[in-house]
């Protein structure tokens, strides 16, 4: 049997893909607090998810709702904690992107 390079790759659903895209957006534009997008074009977690899903309102709502439920609080409250860092935000997006969902 031939080796399948995709065999060991984690499976990511459609919402997970949008979280991974949101990470790319934060890495490219920068991350901010207290605004969806600031004057420099930096985005918060919710802003990055919105940009990542701008072509599908239905997917955007699913992604935002799942993040809200998973965090157990409003995304803005979690993102805007003064001690929060960009690395924590991207790590949380990655964690939830690869989480198993039924």
PDB file of N, CA and C in Angstrom:
ATOM      1  N   UNK A   1       0.848  -1.172   0.000  1.00  0.00           N
ATOM      2  CA  UNK A   1       0.000   0.000   0.000  1.00  0.00           C
ATOM      3  C   UNK A   1       0.897   1.241   0.000  1.00  0.00           C
ATOM      4  N   UNK A   2       0.529   2.221  -0.784  1.00  0.00           N
ATOM      5  CA  UNK A   2       1.287   3.451  -0.865  1.00  0.00           C
ATOM      6  C   UNK A   2       0.982   4.352   0.321  1.00  0.00           C
ATOM      7  N   UNK A   3       1.960   5.154   0.678  1.00  0.00           N
ATOM      8  CA  UNK A   3       1.807   6.098   1.762  1.00  0.00           C
ATOM      9  C   UNK A   3       0.952   7.277   1.300  1.00  0.00           C
ATOM     10  N   UNK A   4      -0.024   7.648   2.077  1.00  0.00           N
ATOM     11  CA  UNK A   4      -0.906   8.772   1.760  1.00  0.00           C
ATOM     12  C   UNK A   4      -0.509   9.965   2.620  1.00  0.00           C
ATOM     13  N   UNK A   5       0.064  11.028   2.013  1.00  0.00           N
ATOM     14  CA  UNK A   5       0.505  12.175   2.806  1.00  0.00           C
ATOM     15  C   UNK A   5      -0.632  12.912   3.499  1.00  0.00           C
ATOM     16  N   UNK A   6      -1.860  12.736   3.056  1.00  0.00           N
ATOM     17  CA  UNK A   6      -2.999  13.399   3.684  1.00  0.00           C
ATOM     18  C   UNK A   6      -3.578  12.623   4.855  1.00  0.00           C
ATOM     19  N   UNK A   7      -3.121  11.387   5.037  1.00  0.00           N
ATOM     20  CA  UNK A   7      -3.672  10.519   6.074  1.00  0.00           C
ATOM     21  C   UNK A   7      -3.558  11.114   7.475  1.00  0.00           C
ATOM     22  N   UNK A   8      -2.434  11.734   7.777  1.00  0.00           N
ATOM     23  CA  UNK A   8      -2.205  12.248   9.123  1.00  0.00           C
ATOM     24  C   UNK A   8      -2.567  13.720   9.299  1.00  0.00           C
ATOM     25  N   UNK A   9      -3.089  14.356   8.266  1.00  0.00           N
ATOM     26  CA  UNK A   9      -3.481  15.758   8.380  1.00  0.00           C
ATOM     27  C   UNK A   9      -4.795  15.852   9.139  1.00  0.00           C
ATOM     28  N   UNK A  10      -4.876  16.819  10.048  1.00  0.00           N
ATOM     29  CA  UNK A  10      -6.137  16.993  10.774  1.00  0.00           C
ATOM     30  C   UNK A  10      -7.252  17.424   9.814  1.00  0.00           C
ATOM     31  N   UNK A  11      -8.442  16.960  10.102  1.00  0.00           N
ATOM     32  CA  UNK A  11      -9.597  17.310   9.288  1.00  0.00           C
ATOM     33  C   UNK A  11     -10.175  18.616   9.822  1.00  0.00           C
ATOM     34  N   UNK A  12     -10.438  19.542   8.905  1.00  0.00           N
ATOM     35  CA  UNK A  12     -10.996  20.837   9.286  1.00  0.00           C
ATOM     36  C   UNK A  12     -12.280  21.034   8.499  1.00  0.00           C
ATOM     37  N   UNK A  13     -13.349  21.377   9.205  1.00  0.00           N
ATOM     38  CA  UNK A  13     -14.618  21.625   8.526  1.00  0.00           C
ATOM     39  C   UNK A  13     -14.650  23.055   7.956  1.00  0.00           C
ATOM     40  N   UNK A  14     -15.776  23.439   7.390  1.00  0.00           N
ATOM     41  CA  UNK A  14     -15.908  24.743   6.741  1.00  0.00           C
ATOM     42  C   UNK A  14     -15.681  25.898   7.723  1.00  0.00           C
ATOM     43  N   UNK A  15     -16.199  25.775   8.925  1.00  0.00           N
ATOM     44  CA  UNK A  15     -16.004  26.811   9.936  1.00  0.00           C
ATOM     45  C   UNK A  15     -14.535  26.846  10.363  1.00  0.00           C
ATOM     46  N   UNK A  16     -13.935  25.687  10.519  1.00  0.00           N
ATOM     47  CA  UNK A  16     -12.517  25.620  10.853  1.00  0.00           C
ATOM     48  C   UNK A  16     -11.661  26.302   9.803  1.00  0.00           C
ATOM     49  N   UNK A  17     -12.004  26.111   8.540  1.00  0.00           N
ATOM     50  CA  UNK A  17     -11.274  26.769   7.450  1.00  0.00           C
ATOM     51  C   UNK A  17     -11.361  28.287   7.583  1.00  0.00           C
ATOM     52  N   UNK A  18     -12.519  28.787   7.968  1.00  0.00           N
ATOM     53  CA  UNK A  18     -12.648  30.239   8.108  1.00  0.00           C
ATOM     54  C   UNK A  18     -11.820  30.747   9.284  1.00  0.00           C
ATOM     55  N   UNK A  19     -11.675  29.958  10.356  1.00  0.00           N
ATOM     56  CA  UNK A  19     -10.820  30.362  11.479  1.00  0.00           C
ATOM     57  C   UNK A  19      -9.355  30.391  11.040  1.00  0.00           C
ATOM     58  N   UNK A  20      -8.938  29.419  10.231  1.00  0.00           N
ATOM     59  CA  UNK A  20      -7.563  29.414   9.730  1.00  0.00           C
ATOM     60  C   UNK A  20      -7.313  30.621   8.814  1.00  0.00           C
ATOM     61  N   UNK A  21      -8.312  30.965   8.029  1.00  0.00           N
ATOM     62  CA  UNK A  21      -8.201  32.151   7.172  1.00  0.00           C
ATOM     63  C   UNK A  21      -8.152  33.410   8.037  1.00  0.00           C
ATOM     64  N   UNK A  22      -8.906  33.436   9.134  1.00  0.00           N
ATOM     65  CA  UNK A  22      -8.887  34.585  10.048  1.00  0.00           C
ATOM     66  C   UNK A  22      -7.489  34.771  10.649  1.00  0.00           C
ATOM     67  N   UNK A  23      -6.806  33.672  10.943  1.00  0.00           N
ATOM     68  CA  UNK A  23      -5.423  33.762  11.439  1.00  0.00           C
ATOM     69  C   UNK A  23      -4.541  34.435  10.393  1.00  0.00           C
ATOM     70  N   UNK A  24      -4.671  34.014   9.140  1.00  0.00           N
ATOM     71  CA  UNK A  24      -3.888  34.622   8.055  1.00  0.00           C
ATOM     72  C   UNK A  24      -4.168  36.117   7.956  1.00  0.00           C
ATOM     73  N   UNK A  25      -5.414  36.492   8.102  1.00  0.00           N
ATOM     74  CA  UNK A  25      -5.804  37.903   8.022  1.00  0.00           C
ATOM     75  C   UNK A  25      -5.161  38.699   9.157  1.00  0.00           C
ATOM     76  N   UNK A  26      -5.182  38.151  10.368  1.00  0.00           N
ATOM     77  CA  UNK A  26      -4.544  38.824  11.512  1.00  0.00           C
ATOM     78  C   UNK A  26      -3.044  38.934  11.277  1.00  0.00           C
ATOM     79  N   UNK A  27      -2.428  37.879  10.767  1.00  0.00           N
ATOM     80  CA  UNK A  27      -0.983  37.905  10.506  1.00  0.00           C
ATOM     81  C   UNK A  27      -0.634  38.956   9.446  1.00  0.00           C
ATOM     82  N   UNK A  28      -1.466  39.098   8.438  1.00  0.00           N
ATOM     83  CA  UNK A  28      -1.199  40.053   7.359  1.00  0.00           C
ATOM     84  C   UNK A  28      -1.493  41.497   7.771  1.00  0.00           C
ATOM     85  N   UNK A  29      -2.629  41.706   8.410  1.00  0.00           N
ATOM     86  CA  UNK A  29      -3.082  43.069   8.716  1.00  0.00           C
ATOM     87  C   UNK A  29      -2.649  43.569  10.082  1.00  0.00           C
ATOM     88  N   UNK A  30      -2.483  42.642  11.016  1.00  0.00           N
ATOM     89  CA  UNK A  30      -2.234  43.004  12.403  1.00  0.00           C
ATOM     90  C   UNK A  30      -3.500  42.817  13.219  1.00  0.00           C
ATOM     91  N   UNK A  31      -3.347  42.818  14.530  1.00  0.00           N
ATOM     92  CA  UNK A  31      -4.446  42.574  15.461  1.00  0.00           C
ATOM     93  C   UNK A  31      -4.699  43.827  16.289  1.00  0.00           C
ATOM     94  N   UNK A  32      -5.954  44.057  16.652  1.00  0.00           N
ATOM     95  CA  UNK A  32      -6.295  45.213  17.483  1.00  0.00           C
ATOM     96  C   UNK A  32      -7.344  44.831  18.523  1.00  0.00           C
ATOM     97  N   UNK A  33      -7.578  45.752  19.423  1.00  0.00           N
ATOM     98  CA  UNK A  33      -8.611  45.614  20.437  1.00  0.00           C
ATOM     99  C   UNK A  33      -9.555  46.809  20.343  1.00  0.00           C
ATOM    100  N   UNK A  34     -10.769  46.622  20.847  1.00  0.00           N
ATOM    101  CA  UNK A  34     -11.809  47.648  20.943  1.00  0.00           C
ATOM    102  C   UNK A  34     -12.371  48.130  19.614  1.00  0.00           C
ATOM    103  N   UNK A  35     -12.003  47.519  18.510  1.00  0.00           N
ATOM    104  CA  UNK A  35     -12.546  47.862  17.193  1.00  0.00           C
ATOM    105  C   UNK A  35     -12.581  46.601  16.337  1.00  0.00           C
ATOM    106  N   UNK A  36     -13.590  46.474  15.473  1.00  0.00           N
ATOM    107  CA  UNK A  36     -13.571  45.382  14.495  1.00  0.00           C
ATOM    108  C   UNK A  36     -12.374  45.567  13.572  1.00  0.00           C
ATOM    109  N   UNK A  37     -12.170  46.824  13.139  1.00  0.00           N
ATOM    110  CA  UNK A  37     -11.014  47.186  12.330  1.00  0.00           C
ATOM    111  C   UNK A  37     -10.642  48.623  12.686  1.00  0.00           C
ATOM    112  N   UNK A  38      -9.374  48.843  12.940  1.00  0.00           N
ATOM    113  CA  UNK A  38      -8.951  50.207  13.289  1.00  0.00           C
ATOM    114  C   UNK A  38      -8.497  50.974  12.049  1.00  0.00           C
ATOM    115  N   UNK A  39      -8.052  52.188  12.232  1.00  0.00           N
ATOM    116  CA  UNK A  39      -7.642  53.038  11.133  1.00  0.00           C
ATOM    117  C   UNK A  39      -6.440  52.533  10.358  1.00  0.00           C
ATOM    118  N   UNK A  40      -5.666  51.646  10.952  1.00  0.00           N
ATOM    119  CA  UNK A  40      -4.504  51.057  10.266  1.00  0.00           C
ATOM    120  C   UNK A  40      -4.867  49.776   9.523  1.00  0.00           C
ATOM    121  N   UNK A  41      -6.135  49.355   9.633  1.00  0.00           N
ATOM    122  CA  UNK A  41      -6.565  48.129   8.964  1.00  0.00           C
ATOM    123  C   UNK A  41      -6.391  46.880   9.802  1.00  0.00           C
ATOM    124  N   UNK A  42      -5.897  47.032  11.044  1.00  0.00           N
ATOM    125  CA  UNK A  42      -5.765  45.887  11.941  1.00  0.00           C
ATOM    126  C   UNK A  42      -7.159  45.434  12.369  1.00  0.00           C
ATOM    127  N   UNK A  43      -7.313  44.143  12.651  1.00  0.00           N
ATOM    128  CA  UNK A  43      -8.623  43.585  12.994  1.00  0.00           C
ATOM    129  C   UNK A  43      -8.576  42.842  14.319  1.00  0.00           C
ATOM    130  N   UNK A  44      -9.717  42.818  14.989  1.00  0.00           N
ATOM    131  CA  UNK A  44      -9.855  41.998  16.190  1.00  0.00           C
ATOM    132  C   UNK A  44     -10.261  40.588  15.750  1.00  0.00           C
ATOM    133  N   UNK A  45     -10.455  39.704  16.700  1.00  0.00           N
ATOM    134  CA  UNK A  45     -10.837  38.326  16.371  1.00  0.00           C
ATOM    135  C   UNK A  45     -12.129  38.301  15.563  1.00  0.00           C
ATOM    136  N   UNK A  46     -13.166  38.994  16.029  1.00  0.00           N
ATOM    137  CA  UNK A  46     -14.447  38.992  15.313  1.00  0.00           C
ATOM    138  C   UNK A  46     -14.307  39.649  13.947  1.00  0.00           C
ATOM    139  N   UNK A  47     -13.529  40.710  13.866  1.00  0.00           N
ATOM    140  CA  UNK A  47     -13.300  41.380  12.591  1.00  0.00           C
ATOM    141  C   UNK A  47     -12.616  40.465  11.587  1.00  0.00           C
ATOM    142  N   UNK A  48     -11.642  39.701  12.059  1.00  0.00           N
ATOM    143  CA  UNK A  48     -10.940  38.765  11.177  1.00  0.00           C
ATOM    144  C   UNK A  48     -11.890  37.670  10.680  1.00  0.00           C
ATOM    145  N   UNK A  49     -12.760  37.184  11.554  1.00  0.00           N
ATOM    146  CA  UNK A  49     -13.738  36.170  11.148  1.00  0.00           C
ATOM    147  C   UNK A  49     -14.698  36.763  10.121  1.00  0.00           C
ATOM    148  N   UNK A  50     -15.117  37.997  10.335  1.00  0.00           N
ATOM    149  CA  UNK A  50     -16.023  38.635   9.381  1.00  0.00           C
ATOM    150  C   UNK A  50     -15.366  38.813   8.018  1.00  0.00           C
ATOM    151  N   UNK A  51     -14.109  39.245   7.994  1.00  0.00           N
ATOM    152  CA  UNK A  51     -13.399  39.391   6.719  1.00  0.00           C
ATOM    153  C   UNK A  51     -13.234  38.027   6.048  1.00  0.00           C
ATOM    154  N   UNK A  52     -12.925  37.007   6.840  1.00  0.00           N
ATOM    155  CA  UNK A  52     -12.704  35.659   6.297  1.00  0.00           C
ATOM    156  C   UNK A  52     -13.963  35.068   5.689  1.00  0.00           C
ATOM    157  N   UNK A  53     -15.117  35.525   6.138  1.00  0.00           N
ATOM    158  CA  UNK A  53     -16.390  34.959   5.683  1.00  0.00           C
ATOM    159  C   UNK A  53     -17.244  35.981   4.946  1.00  0.00           C
ATOM    160  N   UNK A  54     -16.636  37.000   4.398  1.00  0.00           N
ATOM    161  CA  UNK A  54     -17.416  38.100   3.832  1.00  0.00           C
ATOM    162  C   UNK A  54     -18.291  37.701   2.654  1.00  0.00           C
ATOM    163  N   UNK A  55     -18.059  36.565   2.057  1.00  0.00           N
ATOM    164  CA  UNK A  55     -18.884  36.138   0.918  1.00  0.00           C
ATOM    165  C   UNK A  55     -20.055  35.256   1.327  1.00  0.00           C
ATOM    166  N   UNK A  56     -20.119  34.901   2.613  1.00  0.00           N
ATOM    167  CA  UNK A  56     -21.199  34.029   3.059  1.00  0.00           C
ATOM    168  C   UNK A  56     -21.694  34.465   4.437  1.00  0.00           C
ATOM    169  N   UNK A  57     -22.821  35.158   4.458  1.00  0.00           N
ATOM    170  CA  UNK A  57     -23.396  35.608   5.722  1.00  0.00           C
ATOM    171  C   UNK A  57     -23.745  34.419   6.613  1.00  0.00           C
ATOM    172  N   UNK A  58     -24.254  33.348   6.015  1.00  0.00           N
ATOM    173  CA  UNK A  58     -24.637  32.163   6.789  1.00  0.00           C
ATOM    174  C   UNK A  58     -23.410  31.546   7.478  1.00  0.00           C
ATOM    175  N   UNK A  59     -22.307  31.409   6.749  1.00  0.00           N
ATOM    176  CA  UNK A  59     -21.074  30.875   7.335  1.00  0.00           C
ATOM    177  C   UNK A  59     -20.542  31.827   8.400  1.00  0.00           C
ATOM    178  N   UNK A  60     -20.634  33.119   8.141  1.00  0.00           N
ATOM    179  CA  UNK A  60     -20.174  34.115   9.109  1.00  0.00           C
ATOM    180  C   UNK A  60     -20.922  33.944  10.430  1.00  0.00           C
ATOM    181  N   UNK A  61     -22.225  33.808  10.363  1.00  0.00           N
ATOM    182  CA  UNK A  61     -23.026  33.647  11.581  1.00  0.00           C
ATOM    183  C   UNK A  61     -22.679  32.351  12.311  1.00  0.00           C
ATOM    184  N   UNK A  62     -22.498  31.268  11.563  1.00  0.00           N
ATOM    185  CA  UNK A  62     -22.102  29.992  12.192  1.00  0.00           C
ATOM    186  C   UNK A  62     -20.754  30.127  12.890  1.00  0.00           C
ATOM    187  N   UNK A  63     -19.798  30.758  12.222  1.00  0.00           N
ATOM    188  CA  UNK A  63     -18.452  30.902  12.791  1.00  0.00           C
ATOM    189  C   UNK A  63     -18.460  31.805  14.017  1.00  0.00           C
ATOM    190  N   UNK A  64     -19.162  32.920  13.944  1.00  0.00           N
ATOM    191  CA  UNK A  64     -19.235  33.824  15.093  1.00  0.00           C
ATOM    192  C   UNK A  64     -19.971  33.176  16.259  1.00  0.00           C
ATOM    193  N   UNK A  65     -21.079  32.485  15.979  1.00  0.00           N
ATOM    194  CA  UNK A  65     -21.839  31.828  17.048  1.00  0.00           C
ATOM    195  C   UNK A  65     -21.032  30.728  17.726  1.00  0.00           C
ATOM    196  N   UNK A  66     -20.323  29.923  16.944  1.00  0.00           N
ATOM    197  CA  UNK A  66     -19.506  28.860  17.529  1.00  0.00           C
ATOM    198  C   UNK A  66     -18.405  29.458  18.400  1.00  0.00           C
ATOM    199  N   UNK A  67     -17.751  30.514  17.922  1.00  0.00           N
ATOM    200  CA  UNK A  67     -16.689  31.138  18.716  1.00  0.00           C
ATOM    201  C   UNK A  67     -17.255  31.694  20.014  1.00  0.00           C
ATOM    202  N   UNK A  68     -18.388  32.368  19.940  1.00  0.00           N
ATOM    203  CA  UNK A  68     -19.032  32.926  21.130  1.00  0.00           C
ATOM    204  C   UNK A  68     -19.356  31.811  22.134  1.00  0.00           C
ATOM    205  N   UNK A  69     -19.944  30.739  21.652  1.00  0.00           N
ATOM    206  CA  UNK A  69     -20.302  29.619  22.521  1.00  0.00           C
ATOM    207  C   UNK A  69     -19.069  28.974  23.130  1.00  0.00           C
ATOM    208  N   UNK A  70     -18.035  28.783  22.331  1.00  0.00           N
ATOM    209  CA  UNK A  70     -16.818  28.136  22.800  1.00  0.00           C
ATOM    210  C   UNK A  70     -16.102  28.990  23.850  1.00  0.00           C
ATOM    211  N   UNK A  71     -16.048  30.297  23.623  1.00  0.00           N
ATOM    212  CA  UNK A  71     -15.390  31.182  24.582  1.00  0.00           C
ATOM    213  C   UNK A  71     -16.207  31.348  25.860  1.00  0.00           C
ATOM    214  N   UNK A  72     -17.518  31.170  25.764  1.00  0.00           N
ATOM    215  CA  UNK A  72     -18.385  31.332  26.929  1.00  0.00           C
ATOM    216  C   UNK A  72     -18.638  32.784  27.287  1.00  0.00           C
ATOM    217  N   UNK A  73     -18.316  33.676  26.388  1.00  0.00           N
ATOM    218  CA  UNK A  73     -18.538  35.104  26.586  1.00  0.00           C
ATOM    219  C   UNK A  73     -18.564  35.769  25.217  1.00  0.00           C
ATOM    220  N   UNK A  74     -18.869  37.044  25.194  1.00  0.00           N
ATOM    221  CA  UNK A  74     -18.825  37.765  23.930  1.00  0.00           C
ATOM    222  C   UNK A  74     -17.399  37.759  23.379  1.00  0.00           C
ATOM    223  N   UNK A  75     -17.278  37.617  22.079  1.00  0.00           N
ATOM    224  CA  UNK A  75     -15.958  37.607  21.453  1.00  0.00           C
ATOM    225  C   UNK A  75     -15.224  38.902  21.785  1.00  0.00           C
ATOM    226  N   UNK A  76     -15.920  40.008  21.732  1.00  0.00           N
ATOM    227  CA  UNK A  76     -15.284  41.302  22.011  1.00  0.00           C
ATOM    228  C   UNK A  76     -14.752  41.368  23.443  1.00  0.00           C
ATOM    229  N   UNK A  77     -15.493  40.843  24.393  1.00  0.00           N
ATOM    230  CA  UNK A  77     -15.016  40.839  25.789  1.00  0.00           C
ATOM    231  C   UNK A  77     -13.745  40.006  25.914  1.00  0.00           C
ATOM    232  N   UNK A  78     -13.713  38.845  25.278  1.00  0.00           N
ATOM    233  CA  UNK A  78     -12.543  37.969  25.345  1.00  0.00           C
ATOM    234  C   UNK A  78     -11.360  38.636  24.645  1.00  0.00           C
ATOM    235  N   UNK A  79     -11.583  39.159  23.453  1.00  0.00           N
ATOM    236  CA  UNK A  79     -10.525  39.789  22.652  1.00  0.00           C
ATOM    237  C   UNK A  79      -9.947  41.028  23.349  1.00  0.00           C
ATOM    238  N   UNK A  80     -10.807  41.788  24.035  1.00  0.00           N
ATOM    239  CA  UNK A  80     -10.412  43.083  24.564  1.00  0.00           C
ATOM    240  C   UNK A  80      -9.873  43.077  25.986  1.00  0.00           C
ATOM    241  N   UNK A  81      -9.696  41.899  26.571  1.00  0.00           N
ATOM    242  CA  UNK A  81      -9.059  41.840  27.888  1.00  0.00           C
ATOM    243  C   UNK A  81      -7.685  42.507  27.757  1.00  0.00           C
ATOM    244  N   UNK A  82      -7.365  43.484  28.621  1.00  0.00           N
ATOM    245  CA  UNK A  82      -6.121  44.244  28.447  1.00  0.00           C
ATOM    246  C   UNK A  82      -4.850  43.387  28.307  1.00  0.00           C
ATOM    247  N   UNK A  83      -4.804  42.262  28.994  1.00  0.00           N
ATOM    248  CA  UNK A  83      -3.607  41.421  28.954  1.00  0.00           C
ATOM    249  C   UNK A  83      -3.564  40.485  27.742  1.00  0.00           C
ATOM    250  N   UNK A  84      -4.647  40.439  26.961  1.00  0.00           N
ATOM    251  CA  UNK A  84      -4.729  39.529  25.818  1.00  0.00           C
ATOM    252  C   UNK A  84      -3.649  39.883  24.795  1.00  0.00           C
ATOM    253  N   UNK A  85      -3.114  38.864  24.126  1.00  0.00           N
ATOM    254  CA  UNK A  85      -2.098  39.084  23.102  1.00  0.00           C
ATOM    255  C   UNK A  85      -2.566  38.525  21.757  1.00  0.00           C
ATOM    256  N   UNK A  86      -1.934  38.995  20.714  1.00  0.00           N
ATOM    257  CA  UNK A  86      -2.216  38.485  19.364  1.00  0.00           C
ATOM    258  C   UNK A  86      -1.953  36.983  19.309  1.00  0.00           C
ATOM    259  N   UNK A  87      -0.883  36.529  19.952  1.00  0.00           N
ATOM    260  CA  UNK A  87      -0.561  35.100  19.941  1.00  0.00           C
ATOM    261  C   UNK A  87      -1.656  34.271  20.608  1.00  0.00           C
ATOM    262  N   UNK A  88      -2.255  34.782  21.671  1.00  0.00           N
ATOM    263  CA  UNK A  88      -3.357  34.071  22.326  1.00  0.00           C
ATOM    264  C   UNK A  88      -4.569  33.992  21.404  1.00  0.00           C
ATOM    265  N   UNK A  89      -4.826  35.068  20.684  1.00  0.00           N
ATOM    266  CA  UNK A  89      -5.974  35.106  19.770  1.00  0.00           C
ATOM    267  C   UNK A  89      -5.775  34.096  18.643  1.00  0.00           C
ATOM    268  N   UNK A  90      -4.611  34.110  18.009  1.00  0.00           N
ATOM    269  CA  UNK A  90      -4.385  33.175  16.909  1.00  0.00           C
ATOM    270  C   UNK A  90      -4.326  31.728  17.411  1.00  0.00           C
ATOM    271  N   UNK A  91      -3.803  31.518  18.611  1.00  0.00           N
ATOM    272  CA  UNK A  91      -3.781  30.157  19.178  1.00  0.00           C
ATOM    273  C   UNK A  91      -5.202  29.649  19.426  1.00  0.00           C
ATOM    274  N   UNK A  92      -6.077  30.516  19.927  1.00  0.00           N
ATOM    275  CA  UNK A  92      -7.468  30.113  20.185  1.00  0.00           C
ATOM    276  C   UNK A  92      -8.182  29.821  18.872  1.00  0.00           C
ATOM    277  N   UNK A  93      -7.978  30.650  17.857  1.00  0.00           N
ATOM    278  CA  UNK A  93      -8.578  30.385  16.545  1.00  0.00           C
ATOM    279  C   UNK A  93      -8.104  29.032  16.005  1.00  0.00           C
ATOM    280  N   UNK A  94      -6.814  28.758  16.129  1.00  0.00           N
ATOM    281  CA  UNK A  94      -6.252  27.491  15.639  1.00  0.00           C
ATOM    282  C   UNK A  94      -6.834  26.308  16.428  1.00  0.00           C
ATOM    283  N   UNK A  95      -6.893  26.450  17.737  1.00  0.00           N
ATOM    284  CA  UNK A  95      -7.429  25.385  18.600  1.00  0.00           C
ATOM    285  C   UNK A  95      -8.863  25.025  18.204  1.00  0.00           C
ATOM    286  N   UNK A  96      -9.683  26.037  17.994  1.00  0.00           N
ATOM    287  CA  UNK A  96     -11.083  25.791  17.675  1.00  0.00           C
ATOM    288  C   UNK A  96     -11.242  25.328  16.227  1.00  0.00           C
ATOM    289  N   UNK A  97     -10.353  25.775  15.353  1.00  0.00           N
ATOM    290  CA  UNK A  97     -10.397  25.319  13.955  1.00  0.00           C
ATOM    291  C   UNK A  97     -10.207  23.804  13.873  1.00  0.00           C
ATOM    292  N   UNK A  98      -9.320  23.267  14.689  1.00  0.00           N
ATOM    293  CA  UNK A  98      -9.012  21.846  14.644  1.00  0.00           C
ATOM    294  C   UNK A  98      -9.805  21.002  15.638  1.00  0.00           C
ATOM    295  N   UNK A  99     -10.689  21.639  16.411  1.00  0.00           N
ATOM    296  CA  UNK A  99     -11.516  20.896  17.357  1.00  0.00           C
ATOM    297  C   UNK A  99     -12.505  20.005  16.606  1.00  0.00           C
ATOM    298  N   UNK A 100     -12.760  18.842  17.148  1.00  0.00           N
ATOM    299  CA  UNK A 100     -13.724  17.929  16.552  1.00  0.00           C
ATOM    300  C   UNK A 100     -15.127  18.391  16.861  1.00  0.00           C
ATOM    301  N   UNK A 101     -15.942  18.507  15.823  1.00  0.00           N
ATOM    302  CA  UNK A 101     -17.345  18.890  15.984  1.00  0.00           C
ATOM    303  C   UNK A 101     -18.213  17.811  15.353  1.00  0.00           C
ATOM    304  N   UNK A 102     -19.389  17.628  15.925  1.00  0.00           N
ATOM    305  CA  UNK A 102     -20.296  16.632  15.348  1.00  0.00           C
ATOM    306  C   UNK A 102     -21.283  17.270  14.426  1.00  0.00           C
TER     307      UNK A 102
END
